Protein backbone atom coordinates (compact mmCIF):
# COMPACT_ATOMS: atom_id res chain seq x y z
CA MET A 1 26.60 -1.13 7.77
CA THR A 2 24.38 1.39 8.89
CA MET A 3 24.58 4.65 6.81
CA THR A 4 23.09 7.88 7.90
CA VAL A 5 23.22 11.77 6.52
CA ASN A 6 26.02 13.36 7.26
CA GLU A 7 26.49 17.43 7.50
CA THR A 8 27.23 18.30 3.88
CA ALA A 9 24.66 20.29 1.92
CA ASN A 10 24.43 17.18 -0.46
CA PRO A 11 24.68 13.96 1.63
CA THR A 12 24.10 11.59 -1.97
CA ALA A 13 27.11 13.36 -2.88
CA GLN A 14 29.64 10.78 -2.10
CA LEU A 15 27.39 7.83 -2.06
CA THR A 16 28.56 5.18 -4.55
CA ALA A 17 26.10 2.26 -6.36
CA THR A 18 27.40 -0.31 -4.01
CA ALA A 19 26.94 1.45 -0.90
CA LEU A 20 23.09 2.72 -1.32
CA THR A 21 22.75 -0.93 -2.54
CA GLU A 22 24.08 -1.94 1.39
CA LEU A 23 21.82 1.25 2.75
CA VAL A 24 19.01 -0.06 0.84
CA VAL A 25 19.21 -3.71 1.71
CA SER A 26 19.31 -2.71 5.43
CA ILE A 27 16.07 -0.44 5.19
CA TYR A 28 14.08 -3.35 3.13
CA ARG A 29 15.07 -5.77 6.52
CA GLU A 30 14.56 -3.49 9.08
CA THR A 31 11.31 -2.37 7.74
CA LEU A 32 10.44 -6.24 6.60
CA GLY A 33 12.06 -7.59 9.69
CA VAL A 34 13.63 -10.45 7.54
CA ALA A 35 16.81 -10.38 8.74
CA GLU A 36 18.11 -12.45 5.64
CA LEU A 37 17.51 -10.07 2.97
CA ASP A 38 19.57 -9.91 0.36
CA GLU A 39 20.08 -7.15 -2.77
CA GLN A 40 17.25 -9.18 -5.79
CA SER A 41 14.87 -10.16 -2.63
CA ASP A 42 11.37 -9.26 -4.23
CA PHE A 43 9.02 -7.13 -1.70
CA TYR A 44 6.16 -8.20 -2.73
CA GLU A 45 7.10 -12.29 -1.41
CA TRP A 46 8.24 -10.67 1.75
CA GLY A 47 4.63 -8.93 2.99
CA GLY A 48 5.45 -5.49 1.64
CA ASP A 49 2.22 -3.57 1.39
CA SER A 50 1.58 0.11 1.02
CA LEU A 51 2.19 0.94 4.50
CA THR A 52 5.57 -0.74 4.26
CA ALA A 53 6.49 0.52 0.78
CA PHE A 54 5.82 3.97 2.77
CA ARG A 55 8.12 3.60 5.13
CA ILE A 56 10.98 2.00 2.96
CA THR A 57 10.49 5.50 1.32
CA ALA A 58 10.52 8.00 4.20
CA ARG A 59 13.49 6.08 5.62
CA LEU A 60 15.13 6.83 2.21
CA GLU A 61 14.00 10.15 2.28
CA GLU A 62 16.13 11.19 5.42
CA ALA A 63 19.24 9.13 4.72
CA LEU A 64 19.62 11.03 1.33
CA GLY A 65 17.59 14.26 1.52
CA ALA A 66 15.87 14.04 -1.12
CA GLU A 67 12.48 12.76 -1.43
CA VAL A 68 12.05 9.22 -3.32
CA PRO A 69 8.25 8.44 -4.80
CA VAL A 70 6.57 5.50 -3.15
CA ALA A 71 5.60 4.46 -6.49
CA LEU A 72 9.65 3.23 -7.10
CA VAL A 73 9.25 0.82 -4.42
CA PHE A 74 6.37 -0.48 -6.46
CA ALA A 75 7.60 -0.37 -10.26
CA TYR A 76 11.59 -1.78 -8.63
CA PRO A 77 10.57 -4.63 -5.63
CA SER A 78 14.31 -5.59 -5.44
CA PRO A 79 17.25 -3.52 -3.42
CA ALA A 80 19.13 -4.01 -6.06
CA ASP A 81 16.83 -2.39 -8.51
CA LEU A 82 15.18 -0.11 -6.16
CA ALA A 83 19.30 1.46 -5.47
CA ASP A 84 19.27 1.43 -9.20
CA VAL A 85 17.23 3.82 -10.21
CA VAL A 86 17.69 5.85 -6.66
CA HIS A 87 21.13 6.15 -7.84
CA ALA A 88 20.37 7.00 -11.09
CA ASP A 89 17.67 9.83 -10.79
CA PHE A 90 19.02 11.26 -6.77
CA VAL A 91 22.88 10.74 -6.87
CA GLN A 92 23.96 11.22 -10.48
CA ALA A 93 21.60 13.77 -10.85
């Protein structure tokens, strides 16, 4: 599932937690170049570094229309954990 920013003023308004998790998994897969990543995969175990973290947050910011601090990738290294925090902070807010 590929998600893009829609034309609404708040592209995250109708984004479900599941859809956000799928988006984050997709971004991890593309950015880390590992197709077999899942929602519980660890950013560090698959070779993530600071440059990769910035790429992930840039992709999320583009898709969500909201600034996502790169520190969140380091603090919540699995796509599921990152998606939970982003959903709580940016979607439900």
